[in-house]
C-alpha atoms as a PDB file:
ATOM      1  CA  MET A   1     -14.220  22.712 -16.791  1.00  0.00           C
ATOM      2  CA  ALA A   2     -15.262  19.234 -17.900  1.00  0.00           C
ATOM      3  CA  ARG A   3     -17.709  17.398 -15.654  1.00  0.00           C
ATOM      4  CA  TRP A   4     -17.114  14.107 -13.895  1.00  0.00           C
ATOM      5  CA  SER A   5     -19.178  11.076 -14.848  1.00  0.00           C
ATOM      6  CA  VAL A   6     -20.138   8.528 -12.181  1.00  0.00           C
ATOM      7  CA  VAL A   7     -20.534   4.861 -13.132  1.00  0.00           C
ATOM      8  CA  LYS A   8     -21.919   2.160 -10.812  1.00  0.00           C
ATOM      9  CA  LEU A   9     -19.549  -0.819 -10.824  1.00  0.00           C
ATOM     10  CA  GLN A  10     -20.412  -4.489 -10.885  1.00  0.00           C
ATOM     11  CA  ASN A  11     -17.684  -6.951  -9.851  1.00  0.00           C
ATOM     12  CA  GLY A  12     -14.697  -4.907 -10.982  1.00  0.00           C
ATOM     13  CA  LEU A  13     -13.530  -2.233 -13.391  1.00  0.00           C
ATOM     14  CA  GLY A  14     -14.710  -4.281 -16.365  1.00  0.00           C
ATOM     15  CA  GLU A  15     -14.534  -2.361 -19.640  1.00  0.00           C
ATOM     16  CA  HIS A  16     -12.841   0.558 -17.849  1.00  0.00           C
ATOM     17  CA  ALA A  17      -9.764  -1.467 -16.816  1.00  0.00           C
ATOM     18  CA  ALA A  18      -7.740  -0.634 -19.938  1.00  0.00           C
ATOM     19  CA  ALA A  19      -8.356   3.111 -19.574  1.00  0.00           C
ATOM     20  CA  TRP A  20      -7.509   2.891 -15.860  1.00  0.00           C
ATOM     21  CA  ASP A  21      -4.175   1.186 -16.601  1.00  0.00           C
ATOM     22  CA  ALA A  22      -3.355   3.623 -19.403  1.00  0.00           C
ATOM     23  CA  LEU A  23      -3.871   6.570 -17.050  1.00  0.00           C
ATOM     24  CA  ASN A  24      -1.803   4.868 -14.346  1.00  0.00           C
ATOM     25  CA  ARG A  25       1.086   4.386 -16.783  1.00  0.00           C
ATOM     26  CA  ARG A  26       0.833   7.904 -18.185  1.00  0.00           C
ATOM     27  CA  LYS A  27       0.550   9.956 -14.996  1.00  0.00           C
ATOM     28  CA  PHE A  28       1.084   7.792 -11.911  1.00  0.00           C
ATOM     29  CA  ARG A  29       4.387   5.991 -12.501  1.00  0.00           C
ATOM     30  CA  HIS A  30       2.704   2.684 -13.403  1.00  0.00           C
ATOM     31  CA  HIS A  31       2.075   2.094  -9.712  1.00  0.00           C
ATOM     32  CA  PRO A  32       1.588  -1.620  -8.856  1.00  0.00           C
ATOM     33  CA  MET A  33      -0.975  -0.876  -6.134  1.00  0.00           C
ATOM     34  CA  LEU A  34      -2.975   1.169  -8.643  1.00  0.00           C
ATOM     35  CA  ASP A  35      -2.792  -1.541 -11.305  1.00  0.00           C
ATOM     36  CA  SER A  36      -6.220  -2.786 -12.402  1.00  0.00           C
ATOM     37  CA  ARG A  37      -5.260  -6.292 -11.263  1.00  0.00           C
ATOM     38  CA  PHE A  38      -4.818  -5.031  -7.709  1.00  0.00           C
ATOM     39  CA  VAL A  39      -7.944  -2.857  -7.840  1.00  0.00           C
ATOM     40  CA  ASP A  40     -10.088  -5.619  -9.368  1.00  0.00           C
ATOM     41  CA  GLY A  41      -8.967  -7.967  -6.605  1.00  0.00           C
ATOM     42  CA  LEU A  42     -10.063  -5.475  -3.970  1.00  0.00           C
ATOM     43  CA  LEU A  43     -13.436  -5.075  -5.653  1.00  0.00           C
ATOM     44  CA  SER A  44     -13.894  -8.808  -6.146  1.00  0.00           C
ATOM     45  CA  TYR A  45     -13.225  -9.771  -2.525  1.00  0.00           C
ATOM     46  CA  PHE A  46     -14.071  -6.708  -0.426  1.00  0.00           C
ATOM     47  CA  SER A  47     -16.735  -4.721  -2.260  1.00  0.00           C
ATOM     48  CA  ASP A  48     -20.074  -4.047  -0.565  1.00  0.00           C
ATOM     49  CA  GLY A  49     -21.783  -3.317  -3.886  1.00  0.00           C
ATOM     50  CA  GLY A  50     -21.955   0.446  -3.454  1.00  0.00           C
ATOM     51  CA  GLU A  51     -18.760   1.368  -5.303  1.00  0.00           C
ATOM     52  CA  CYS A  52     -18.741   3.835  -8.185  1.00  0.00           C
ATOM     53  CA  LEU A  53     -16.067   4.714 -10.718  1.00  0.00           C
ATOM     54  CA  CYS A  54     -15.703   8.448 -11.207  1.00  0.00           C
ATOM     55  CA  VAL A  55     -14.132   9.558 -14.497  1.00  0.00           C
ATOM     56  CA  LEU A  56     -13.039  12.998 -15.659  1.00  0.00           C
ATOM     57  CA  GLU A  57     -12.441  13.105 -19.420  1.00  0.00           C
ATOM     58  CA  GLU A  58     -10.771  15.838 -21.411  1.00  0.00           C
ATOM     59  CA  ALA A  59     -10.221  15.712 -25.175  1.00  0.00           C
ATOM     60  CA  GLY A  60     -11.725  12.243 -25.293  1.00  0.00           C
ATOM     61  CA  ARG A  61      -9.464  10.513 -22.759  1.00  0.00           C
ATOM     62  CA  PRO A  62      -9.533  10.143 -18.969  1.00  0.00           C
ATOM     63  CA  GLU A  63      -7.435  12.649 -17.037  1.00  0.00           C
ATOM     64  CA  ALA A  64      -8.561  11.521 -13.579  1.00  0.00           C
ATOM     65  CA  MET A  65     -10.320   8.440 -12.175  1.00  0.00           C
ATOM     66  CA  CYS A  66     -11.159   7.217  -8.683  1.00  0.00           C
ATOM     67  CA  LEU A  67     -13.227   4.635  -6.836  1.00  0.00           C
ATOM     68  CA  LEU A  68     -15.722   6.051  -4.348  1.00  0.00           C
ATOM     69  CA  ARG A  69     -18.715   4.940  -2.373  1.00  0.00           C
ATOM     70  CA  PRO A  70     -21.240   6.773  -0.180  1.00  0.00           C
ATOM     71  CA  ASP A  71     -19.950   6.804   3.365  1.00  0.00           C
ATOM     72  CA  LYS A  72     -21.963   8.765   5.902  1.00  0.00           C
ATOM     73  CA  PHE A  73     -24.857  11.139   5.295  1.00  0.00           C
ATOM     74  CA  THR A  74     -23.747  13.774   2.735  1.00  0.00           C
ATOM     75  CA  THR A  75     -20.249  12.218   2.562  1.00  0.00           C
ATOM     76  CA  TRP A  76     -18.502  10.152  -0.108  1.00  0.00           C
ATOM     77  CA  ALA A  77     -15.186   8.418   0.497  1.00  0.00           C
ATOM     78  CA  THR A  78     -12.523   6.438  -1.319  1.00  0.00           C
ATOM     79  CA  PHE A  79     -13.127   2.687  -1.499  1.00  0.00           C
ATOM     80  CA  LEU A  80     -10.428   1.508   0.897  1.00  0.00           C
ATOM     81  CA  PRO A  81     -10.312  -2.035   2.268  1.00  0.00           C
ATOM     82  CA  SER A  82      -7.522  -2.649   4.784  1.00  0.00           C
ATOM     83  CA  GLN A  83      -5.554  -4.520   2.117  1.00  0.00           C
ATOM     84  CA  ALA A  84      -5.093  -1.245   0.185  1.00  0.00           C
ATOM     85  CA  GLN A  85      -2.286   0.875   1.605  1.00  0.00           C
ATOM     86  CA  ILE A  86      -3.122   3.766  -0.727  1.00  0.00           C
ATOM     87  CA  GLY A  87      -6.543   4.681  -2.029  1.00  0.00           C
ATOM     88  CA  PRO A  88      -7.460   3.675  -5.598  1.00  0.00           C
ATOM     89  CA  ALA A  89      -7.522   7.231  -6.878  1.00  0.00           C
ATOM     90  CA  LEU A  90      -5.755   8.363 -10.044  1.00  0.00           C
ATOM     91  CA  VAL A  91      -6.061  12.032  -9.155  1.00  0.00           C
ATOM     92  CA  SER A  92      -3.279  14.564  -8.615  1.00  0.00           C
ATOM     93  CA  SER A  93      -5.123  17.896  -8.659  1.00  0.00           C
ATOM     94  CA  GLN A  94      -7.004  19.731  -5.929  1.00  0.00           C
ATOM     95  CA  GLU A  95      -9.117  21.555  -8.476  1.00  0.00           C
ATOM     96  CA  VAL A  96     -10.620  18.478 -10.107  1.00  0.00           C
ATOM     97  CA  LEU A  97     -11.553  17.017  -6.711  1.00  0.00           C
ATOM     98  CA  GLU A  98     -13.217  20.263  -5.725  1.00  0.00           C
ATOM     99  CA  GLN A  99     -15.176  19.938  -8.952  1.00  0.00           C
ATOM    100  CA  LEU A 100     -16.058  16.330  -8.084  1.00  0.00           C
ATOM    101  CA  THR A 101     -17.793  17.398  -4.855  1.00  0.00           C
ATOM    102  CA  HIS A 102     -20.309  19.238  -7.065  1.00  0.00           C
ATOM    103  CA  ASP A 103     -20.651  16.499  -9.690  1.00  0.00           C
ATOM    104  CA  LEU A 104     -21.398  13.571  -7.347  1.00  0.00           C
ATOM    105  CA  PRO A 105     -25.074  12.551  -7.236  1.00  0.00           C
ATOM    106  CA  GLY A 106     -27.345  13.512  -4.362  1.00  0.00           C
ATOM    107  CA  LEU A 107     -26.686  15.877  -1.483  1.00  0.00           C
ATOM    108  CA  VAL A 108     -22.914  16.023  -0.951  1.00  0.00           C
ATOM    109  CA  ALA A 109     -21.116  18.109   1.653  1.00  0.00           C
ATOM    110  CA  ARG A 110     -17.759  16.331   1.897  1.00  0.00           C
ATOM    111  CA  LEU A 111     -15.501  14.084  -0.153  1.00  0.00           C
ATOM    112  CA  ASP A 112     -12.841  12.048   1.687  1.00  0.00           C
ATOM    113  CA  ILE A 113      -9.826  10.947  -0.339  1.00  0.00           C
ATOM    114  CA  LEU A 114      -8.307   8.334   1.956  1.00  0.00           C
ATOM    115  CA  CYS A 115      -4.653   7.283   2.108  1.00  0.00           C
ATOM    116  CA  SER A 116      -3.432   9.849  -0.401  1.00  0.00           C
ATOM    117  CA  ASP A 117       0.226   9.538  -1.366  1.00  0.00           C
ATOM    118  CA  SER A 118       1.784  12.957  -1.939  1.00  0.00           C
ATOM    119  CA  ASP A 119       4.423  11.325  -4.130  1.00  0.00           C
ATOM    120  CA  LEU A 120       1.658  10.791  -6.697  1.00  0.00           C
ATOM    121  CA  GLY A 121       0.285  14.312  -6.349  1.00  0.00           C
ATOM    122  CA  ASP A 122       0.116  16.558  -3.292  1.00  0.00           C
ATOM    123  CA  LEU A 123      -3.570  17.283  -2.723  1.00  0.00           C
ATOM    124  CA  THR A 124      -2.707  19.728   0.069  1.00  0.00           C
ATOM    125  CA  ALA A 125      -0.131  21.754  -1.866  1.00  0.00           C
ATOM    126  CA  ARG A 126      -2.282  24.887  -1.754  1.00  0.00           C
ATOM    127  CA  PRO A 127      -4.029  25.128   1.643  1.00  0.00           C
ATOM    128  CA  LYS A 128      -7.659  26.247   1.547  1.00  0.00           C
ATOM    129  CA  ARG A 129     -10.391  26.522   4.143  1.00  0.00           C
ATOM    130  CA  SER A 130     -12.427  24.003   2.163  1.00  0.00           C
ATOM    131  CA  ILE A 131      -9.666  21.356   2.362  1.00  0.00           C
ATOM    132  CA  TYR A 132      -8.795  19.520   5.563  1.00  0.00           C
ATOM    133  CA  SER A 133      -6.128  16.837   5.978  1.00  0.00           C
ATOM    134  CA  THR A 134      -5.016  14.443   8.711  1.00  0.00           C
ATOM    135  CA  ASP A 135      -1.848  12.361   8.849  1.00  0.00           C
ATOM    136  CA  HIS A 136      -2.445   8.625   8.506  1.00  0.00           C
ATOM    137  CA  ALA A 137       0.975   6.961   8.365  1.00  0.00           C
ATOM    138  CA  LEU A 138       4.666   7.662   7.887  1.00  0.00           C
ATOM    139  CA  THR A 139       5.793   5.473   5.019  1.00  0.00           C
ATOM    140  CA  MET A 140       9.333   4.860   3.757  1.00  0.00           C
ATOM    141  CA  ASN A 141      11.206   3.907   0.630  1.00  0.00           C
ATOM    142  CA  ILE A 142      14.635   2.923  -0.658  1.00  0.00           C
ATOM    143  CA  ARG A 143      15.946   4.301  -3.936  1.00  0.00           C
ATOM    144  CA  LEU A 144      18.005   1.698  -5.771  1.00  0.00           C
ATOM    145  CA  GLN A 145      20.684   4.124  -6.916  1.00  0.00           C
ATOM    146  CA  GLY A 146      24.371   3.274  -6.875  1.00  0.00           C
ATOM    147  CA  SER A 147      25.488  -0.036  -5.390  1.00  0.00           C
ATOM    148  CA  PHE A 148      24.248  -2.039  -2.460  1.00  0.00           C
ATOM    149  CA  ASP A 149      27.609  -1.593  -0.729  1.00  0.00           C
ATOM    150  CA  GLU A 150      27.198   2.190  -0.938  1.00  0.00           C
ATOM    151  CA  TYR A 151      23.674   1.909   0.454  1.00  0.00           C
ATOM    152  CA  TRP A 152      24.711  -0.400   3.301  1.00  0.00           C
ATOM    153  CA  SER A 153      27.725   1.734   4.278  1.00  0.00           C
ATOM    154  CA  ALA A 154      25.347   4.684   4.684  1.00  0.00           C
ATOM    155  CA  ARG A 155      23.159   2.824   7.193  1.00  0.00           C
ATOM    156  CA  SER A 156      23.441   3.550  10.900  1.00  0.00           C
ATOM    157  CA  LYS A 157      26.196   1.838  12.837  1.00  0.00           C
ATOM    158  CA  LYS A 158      23.601   0.280  15.132  1.00  0.00           C
ATOM    159  CA  LEU A 159      21.681  -1.343  12.261  1.00  0.00           C
ATOM    160  CA  VAL A 160      24.807  -2.793  10.639  1.00  0.00           C
ATOM    161  CA  GLN A 161      26.056  -4.122  13.956  1.00  0.00           C
ATOM    162  CA  ASN A 162      22.719  -5.722  14.818  1.00  0.00           C
ATOM    163  CA  VAL A 163      22.485  -7.545  11.480  1.00  0.00           C
ATOM    164  CA  SER A 164      26.089  -8.744  11.841  1.00  0.00           C
ATOM    165  CA  ARG A 165      25.309 -10.005  15.340  1.00  0.00           C
ATOM    166  CA  TYR A 166      22.410 -12.129  14.094  1.00  0.00           C
ATOM    167  CA  GLU A 167      24.577 -13.558  11.326  1.00  0.00           C
ATOM    168  CA  ARG A 168      27.272 -14.488  13.857  1.00  0.00           C
ATOM    169  CA  ARG A 169      24.654 -16.106  16.088  1.00  0.00           C
ATOM    170  CA  LEU A 170      23.593 -18.357  13.215  1.00  0.00           C
ATOM    171  CA  ALA A 171      27.208 -19.302  12.509  1.00  0.00           C
ATOM    172  CA  LEU A 172      27.887 -20.119  16.166  1.00  0.00           C
ATOM    173  CA  ASP A 173      24.833 -22.396  16.187  1.00  0.00           C
ATOM    174  CA  GLY A 174      25.994 -24.107  13.004  1.00  0.00           C
ATOM    175  CA  ILE A 175      23.047 -22.876  10.933  1.00  0.00           C
ATOM    176  CA  TRP A 176      23.628 -21.724   7.374  1.00  0.00           C
ATOM    177  CA  PRO A 177      21.033 -19.355   5.890  1.00  0.00           C
ATOM    178  CA  ASP A 178      19.624 -20.139   2.455  1.00  0.00           C
ATOM    179  CA  PHE A 179      18.170 -17.152   0.577  1.00  0.00           C
ATOM    180  CA  ARG A 180      15.748 -17.917  -2.254  1.00  0.00           C
ATOM    181  CA  CYS A 181      13.904 -15.757  -4.767  1.00  0.00           C
ATOM    182  CA  HIS A 182      10.906 -17.207  -6.594  1.00  0.00           C
ATOM    183  CA  ALA A 183       9.904 -15.295  -9.711  1.00  0.00           C
ATOM    184  CA  GLN A 184       8.707 -17.932 -12.167  1.00  0.00           C
ATOM    185  CA  PRO A 185       4.910 -18.346 -12.442  1.00  0.00           C
ATOM    186  CA  SER A 186       5.332 -22.077 -11.815  1.00  0.00           C
ATOM    187  CA  GLU A 187       7.005 -21.314  -8.453  1.00  0.00           C
ATOM    188  CA  ILE A 188       4.708 -18.587  -7.178  1.00  0.00           C
ATOM    189  CA  ALA A 189       1.772 -20.795  -6.118  1.00  0.00           C
ATOM    190  CA  SER A 190       3.819 -23.184  -3.977  1.00  0.00           C
ATOM    191  CA  ALA A 191       5.869 -20.343  -2.453  1.00  0.00           C
ATOM    192  CA  PHE A 192       2.665 -18.495  -1.594  1.00  0.00           C
ATOM    193  CA  ALA A 193       1.236 -21.612   0.058  1.00  0.00           C
ATOM    194  CA  ARG A 194       4.347 -21.795   2.241  1.00  0.00           C
ATOM    195  CA  TYR A 195       3.953 -18.107   3.081  1.00  0.00           C
ATOM    196  CA  ALA A 196       0.315 -18.643   4.111  1.00  0.00           C
ATOM    197  CA  ASN A 197       1.166 -21.651   6.253  1.00  0.00           C
ATOM    198  CA  LEU A 198       3.917 -19.712   8.024  1.00  0.00           C
ATOM    199  CA  GLU A 199       1.788 -16.628   8.691  1.00  0.00           C
ATOM    200  CA  SER A 200      -1.205 -18.653   9.867  1.00  0.00           C
ATOM    201  CA  SER A 201       0.960 -20.300  12.538  1.00  0.00           C
ATOM    202  CA  GLY A 202       1.879 -16.983  14.183  1.00  0.00           C
ATOM    203  CA  TRP A 203       0.362 -14.156  16.215  1.00  0.00           C
ATOM    204  CA  LYS A 204      -1.702 -12.841  13.304  1.00  0.00           C
ATOM    205  CA  ALA A 205      -3.743 -16.050  13.406  1.00  0.00           C
ATOM    206  CA  ASP A 206      -4.703 -15.298  17.013  1.00  0.00           C
ATOM    207  CA  ARG A 207      -5.959 -11.864  15.917  1.00  0.00           C
ATOM    208  CA  GLY A 208      -7.781 -13.285  12.924  1.00  0.00           C
ATOM    209  CA  THR A 209      -5.769 -11.209  10.443  1.00  0.00           C
ATOM    210  CA  ALA A 210      -3.442 -13.894   9.087  1.00  0.00           C
ATOM    211  CA  ILE A 211      -3.335 -15.076   5.503  1.00  0.00           C
ATOM    212  CA  SER A 212      -4.243 -18.725   5.219  1.00  0.00           C
ATOM    213  CA  MET A 213      -5.056 -20.909   2.258  1.00  0.00           C
ATOM    214  CA  ASP A 214      -8.719 -21.206   3.241  1.00  0.00           C
ATOM    215  CA  ASN A 215      -9.734 -17.621   4.095  1.00  0.00           C
ATOM    216  CA  VAL A 216     -10.626 -14.551   2.034  1.00  0.00           C
ATOM    217  CA  GLN A 217      -7.270 -12.929   2.788  1.00  0.00           C
ATOM    218  CA  GLY A 218      -5.479 -15.930   1.334  1.00  0.00           C
ATOM    219  CA  GLN A 219      -7.704 -16.024  -1.733  1.00  0.00           C
ATOM    220  CA  PHE A 220      -7.133 -12.330  -2.429  1.00  0.00           C
ATOM    221  CA  TYR A 221      -3.351 -12.394  -2.030  1.00  0.00           C
ATOM    222  CA  GLY A 222      -2.984 -15.759  -3.750  1.00  0.00           C
ATOM    223  CA  GLU A 223      -4.862 -14.495  -6.809  1.00  0.00           C
ATOM    224  CA  LEU A 224      -2.930 -11.200  -6.704  1.00  0.00           C
ATOM    225  CA  MET A 225       0.451 -12.951  -6.740  1.00  0.00           C
ATOM    226  CA  ALA A 226      -0.674 -15.322  -9.491  1.00  0.00           C
ATOM    227  CA  ARG A 227      -1.942 -12.524 -11.742  1.00  0.00           C
ATOM    228  CA  PHE A 228       1.169 -10.375 -11.286  1.00  0.00           C
ATOM    229  CA  GLY A 229       3.366 -13.466 -11.547  1.00  0.00           C
ATOM    230  CA  ALA A 230       1.897 -14.333 -14.942  1.00  0.00           C
ATOM    231  CA  THR A 231       3.528 -11.196 -16.385  1.00  0.00           C
ATOM    232  CA  GLY A 232       6.759 -11.487 -14.392  1.00  0.00           C
ATOM    233  CA  ASN A 233       5.712  -8.800 -11.893  1.00  0.00           C
ATOM    234  CA  ALA A 234       5.609 -10.853  -8.692  1.00  0.00           C
ATOM    235  CA  LEU A 235       8.368 -12.243  -6.522  1.00  0.00           C
ATOM    236  CA  ILE A 236       8.398 -14.191  -3.279  1.00  0.00           C
ATOM    237  CA  TYR A 237      11.581 -14.024  -1.234  1.00  0.00           C
ATOM    238  CA  GLU A 238      12.351 -16.709   1.341  1.00  0.00           C
ATOM    239  CA  LEU A 239      14.948 -17.253   4.045  1.00  0.00           C
ATOM    240  CA  TRP A 240      15.499 -20.857   5.059  1.00  0.00           C
ATOM    241  CA  LEU A 241      17.443 -21.868   8.158  1.00  0.00           C
ATOM    242  CA  GLY A 242      18.325 -25.494   7.676  1.00  0.00           C
ATOM    243  CA  THR A 243      15.100 -27.263   6.733  1.00  0.00           C
ATOM    244  CA  ARG A 244      12.864 -24.513   8.193  1.00  0.00           C
ATOM    245  CA  LEU A 245      11.266 -21.653   6.319  1.00  0.00           C
ATOM    246  CA  ALA A 246      12.182 -18.809   8.660  1.00  0.00           C
ATOM    247  CA  ALA A 247      10.820 -15.762   6.818  1.00  0.00           C
ATOM    248  CA  SER A 248       8.994 -14.883   3.618  1.00  0.00           C
ATOM    249  CA  ARG A 249       8.133 -11.665   1.781  1.00  0.00           C
ATOM    250  CA  LEU A 250       5.603 -10.966  -1.023  1.00  0.00           C
ATOM    251  CA  VAL A 251       6.560  -8.373  -3.652  1.00  0.00           C
ATOM    252  CA  ILE A 252       4.897  -6.910  -6.751  1.00  0.00           C
ATOM    253  CA  THR A 253       6.642  -4.759  -9.346  1.00  0.00           C
ATOM    254  CA  SER A 254       6.236  -2.451 -12.312  1.00  0.00           C
ATOM    255  CA  SER A 255       8.665  -0.787 -14.686  1.00  0.00           C
ATOM    256  CA  ASN A 256       9.322   1.977 -12.129  1.00  0.00           C
ATOM    257  CA  MET A 257       8.662   0.537  -8.717  1.00  0.00           C
ATOM    258  CA  VAL A 258       8.911  -2.411  -6.339  1.00  0.00           C
ATOM    259  CA  VAL A 259       6.244  -2.673  -3.629  1.00  0.00           C
ATOM    260  CA  MET A 260       6.680  -4.743  -0.475  1.00  0.00           C
ATOM    261  CA  VAL A 261       3.225  -6.258  -0.037  1.00  0.00           C
ATOM    262  CA  LYS A 262       3.420  -8.567   2.992  1.00  0.00           C
ATOM    263  CA  THR A 263       6.024 -10.216   5.201  1.00  0.00           C
ATOM    264  CA  THR A 264       6.028 -12.921   7.861  1.00  0.00           C
ATOM    265  CA  TYR A 265       8.511 -14.931   9.892  1.00  0.00           C
ATOM    266  CA  ALA A 266       8.726 -17.918  12.255  1.00  0.00           C
ATOM    267  CA  GLU A 267       8.275 -16.530  15.732  1.00  0.00           C
ATOM    268  CA  ASP A 268      10.153 -19.358  17.448  1.00  0.00           C
ATOM    269  CA  LEU A 269      13.258 -18.362  15.460  1.00  0.00           C
ATOM    270  CA  SER A 270      13.097 -14.722  16.522  1.00  0.00           C
ATOM    271  CA  LYS A 271      16.503 -14.857  18.269  1.00  0.00           C
ATOM    272  CA  TYR A 272      18.004 -14.934  14.766  1.00  0.00           C
ATOM    273  CA  ALA A 273      15.820 -12.021  13.543  1.00  0.00           C
ATOM    274  CA  PRO A 274      14.968 -13.872  10.305  1.00  0.00           C
ATOM    275  CA  GLY A 275      12.783 -11.014   9.062  1.00  0.00           C
ATOM    276  CA  ARG A 276      15.694  -8.590   9.247  1.00  0.00           C
ATOM    277  CA  LEU A 277      18.126 -11.008   7.640  1.00  0.00           C
ATOM    278  CA  LEU A 278      15.669 -11.639   4.815  1.00  0.00           C
ATOM    279  CA  LEU A 279      15.127  -7.901   4.325  1.00  0.00           C
ATOM    280  CA  ARG A 280      18.860  -7.269   3.997  1.00  0.00           C
ATOM    281  CA  GLN A 281      19.247 -10.041   1.435  1.00  0.00           C
ATOM    282  CA  THR A 282      16.147  -8.887  -0.437  1.00  0.00           C
ATOM    283  CA  ILE A 283      17.396  -5.307  -0.716  1.00  0.00           C
ATOM    284  CA  GLU A 284      20.811  -6.492  -1.894  1.00  0.00           C
ATOM    285  CA  HIS A 285      19.155  -8.659  -4.547  1.00  0.00           C
ATOM    286  CA  MET A 286      16.975  -5.759  -5.690  1.00  0.00           C
ATOM    287  CA  PHE A 287      19.973  -3.464  -6.171  1.00  0.00           C
ATOM    288  CA  SER A 288      21.223  -5.862  -8.838  1.00  0.00           C
ATOM    289  CA  ARG A 289      17.832  -6.883 -10.286  1.00  0.00           C
ATOM    290  CA  PHE A 290      15.996  -3.530 -10.300  1.00  0.00           C
ATOM    291  CA  PRO A 291      18.628  -0.776 -10.547  1.00  0.00           C
ATOM    292  CA  GLY A 292      17.185   2.718 -10.742  1.00  0.00           C
ATOM    293  CA  ARG A 293      13.781   1.768  -9.351  1.00  0.00           C
ATOM    294  CA  VAL A 294      12.424   2.552  -5.901  1.00  0.00           C
ATOM    295  CA  ILE A 295      11.274   0.131  -3.193  1.00  0.00           C
ATOM    296  CA  GLU A 296       8.063   1.301  -1.523  1.00  0.00           C
ATOM    297  CA  PHE A 297       7.073  -0.198   1.834  1.00  0.00           C
ATOM    298  CA  TYR A 298       3.710   1.460   2.518  1.00  0.00           C
ATOM    299  CA  THR A 299       3.847   0.899   6.247  1.00  0.00           C
ATOM    300  CA  ASN A 300       3.567   3.086   9.318  1.00  0.00           C
ATOM    301  CA  ALA A 301       7.297   3.058   9.846  1.00  0.00           C
ATOM    302  CA  SER A 302       8.894   2.831  13.274  1.00  0.00           C
ATOM    303  CA  ILE A 303      12.236   4.441  14.105  1.00  0.00           C
ATOM    304  CA  ASP A 304      13.845   1.026  13.666  1.00  0.00           C
ATOM    305  CA  GLN A 305      12.305   0.573  10.210  1.00  0.00           C
ATOM    306  CA  LEU A 306      13.305   4.079   9.140  1.00  0.00           C
ATOM    307  CA  SER A 307      16.955   3.153   9.679  1.00  0.00           C
ATOM    308  CA  TRP A 308      16.676   1.054   6.495  1.00  0.00           C
ATOM    309  CA  ALA A 309      15.154   3.891   4.443  1.00  0.00           C
ATOM    310  CA  THR A 310      16.619   6.479   2.104  1.00  0.00           C
ATOM    311  CA  GLY A 311      13.364   8.463   2.053  1.00  0.00           C
ATOM    312  CA  GLN A 312      10.146   8.957   3.995  1.00  0.00           C
ATOM    313  CA  ARG A 313       6.853  10.828   3.619  1.00  0.00           C
ATOM    314  CA  VAL A 314       3.406  11.084   5.182  1.00  0.00           C
ATOM    315  CA  ILE A 315       0.317   9.347   3.820  1.00  0.00           C
ATOM    316  CA  ARG A 316      -2.722  11.552   4.462  1.00  0.00           C
ATOM    317  CA  HIS A 317      -6.490  11.509   4.480  1.00  0.00           C
ATOM    318  CA  VAL A 318      -7.724  14.604   2.640  1.00  0.00           C
ATOM    319  CA  SER A 319     -11.274  15.966   2.912  1.00  0.00           C
ATOM    320  CA  PHE A 320     -12.795  18.305   0.329  1.00  0.00           C
ATOM    321  CA  TYR A 321     -15.850  20.365   1.262  1.00  0.00           C
ATOM    322  CA  THR A 322     -18.308  21.905  -1.154  1.00  0.00           C
ATOM    323  CA  ASP A 323     -17.650  25.409   0.229  1.00  0.00           C
ATOM    324  CA  ASN A 324     -15.979  27.296   3.077  1.00  0.00           C
ATOM    325  CA  LEU A 325     -19.175  27.512   5.143  1.00  0.00           C
ATOM    326  CA  THR A 326     -19.622  23.747   5.072  1.00  0.00           C
ATOM    327  CA  ALA A 327     -15.981  23.268   6.013  1.00  0.00           C
ATOM    328  CA  ARG A 328     -16.442  25.659   8.954  1.00  0.00           C
ATOM    329  CA  LEU A 329     -19.511  23.741  10.145  1.00  0.00           C
ATOM    330  CA  PHE A 330     -17.606  20.464  10.067  1.00  0.00           C
ATOM    331  CA  ASP A 331     -14.756  22.144  11.987  1.00  0.00           C
ATOM    332  CA  VAL A 332     -17.174  23.131  14.739  1.00  0.00           C
ATOM    333  CA  LEU A 333     -18.646  19.628  14.892  1.00  0.00           C
ATOM    334  CA  ARG A 334     -15.160  18.088  14.932  1.00  0.00           C
ATOM    335  CA  ALA A 335     -13.999  20.381  17.729  1.00  0.00           C
ATOM    336  CA  GLY A 336     -17.100  19.567  19.766  1.00  0.00           C
ATOM    337  CA  ARG A 337     -16.574  15.845  19.335  1.00  0.00           C
ATOM    338  CA  ASN A 338     -12.889  16.067  20.288  1.00  0.00           C
ATOM    339  CA  SER A 339     -13.755  18.113  23.375  1.00  0.00           C
ATOM    340  CA  PHE A 340     -16.341  15.547  24.460  1.00  0.00           C
ATOM    341  CA  VAL A 341     -13.893  12.668  23.967  1.00  0.00           C
ATOM    342  CA  SER A 342     -11.192  14.499  25.952  1.00  0.00           C
ATOM    343  CA  ARG A 343     -13.543  15.216  28.848  1.00  0.00           C
ATOM    344  CA  PHE A 344     -14.812  11.632  28.899  1.00  0.00           C
ATOM    345  CA  ALA A 345     -11.271  10.227  28.871  1.00  0.00           C
ATOM    346  CA  ALA A 346     -10.253  12.499  31.749  1.00  0.00           C
ATOM    347  CA  ARG A 347     -12.898  11.080  34.082  1.00  0.00           C
END
């Protein structure tokens, strides 16, 4: 089997970006969150300088690539800032990752592939003692097949009734919703600024997690939307109630997929559920604009959110050990730690 090469990165994928994108298009459905523009943004704003690009070449072209960095002693892990809902790993085979544990530099006992999406390759398809996985999140999607009316008629009675109730509430209060979609590069910057101002006025600002125009979060997402917008692969959906921006949603796209990146709404207008009303309008618009594609949410979906979905699956963390003995040792250590935590919590 071919060996992996490990390259220390400096401020992005650099000369490897074209090969990364070619592999993404060829084997990973041209995934927007695996696009080099997304990955370079993560590296530019959230790198700690220890990231490496691992490349497996066969017949002169990459067949697998991933971004890793040393984590704990004897452990390497996927580079995964909180802004990445799936790990930047173009790998779909258990075997090549088992090989990578032996090709990484230094003493390596475990490789953690974080936030692995089984839709891009199930790394747990063949259970082994040397592979351990934990569930991270239950994500959801909507396949844009058929018409929106067919999709909406298949939703639960409760969901349809709730959305209708919010629409009637607006009408009774004499408020007419205005749905807008911004897709032109000239519109993206101003629409993003409105998004940031809306999110930074809500509960996320109190937690310090909100996008604003003057923090790193805002710089990352603003640049992301601008770069995708320049090629027609970014949209910002808005719902206005009168003169108020009530809800906004950031979206990036590829030839196969639409990814919901971020959403926010005006909390003082929550009695109208503007986020839900915007989502309904957004999905209806996507049925006509992106027929045949799939909308991916990459969230830890609640029961309420799943009522919108046509599909769901688990995002997992997958650990690869160099051998069965090492895996067994980690199992013992993990069991001991869990037992200690349980006893401490019971006091």
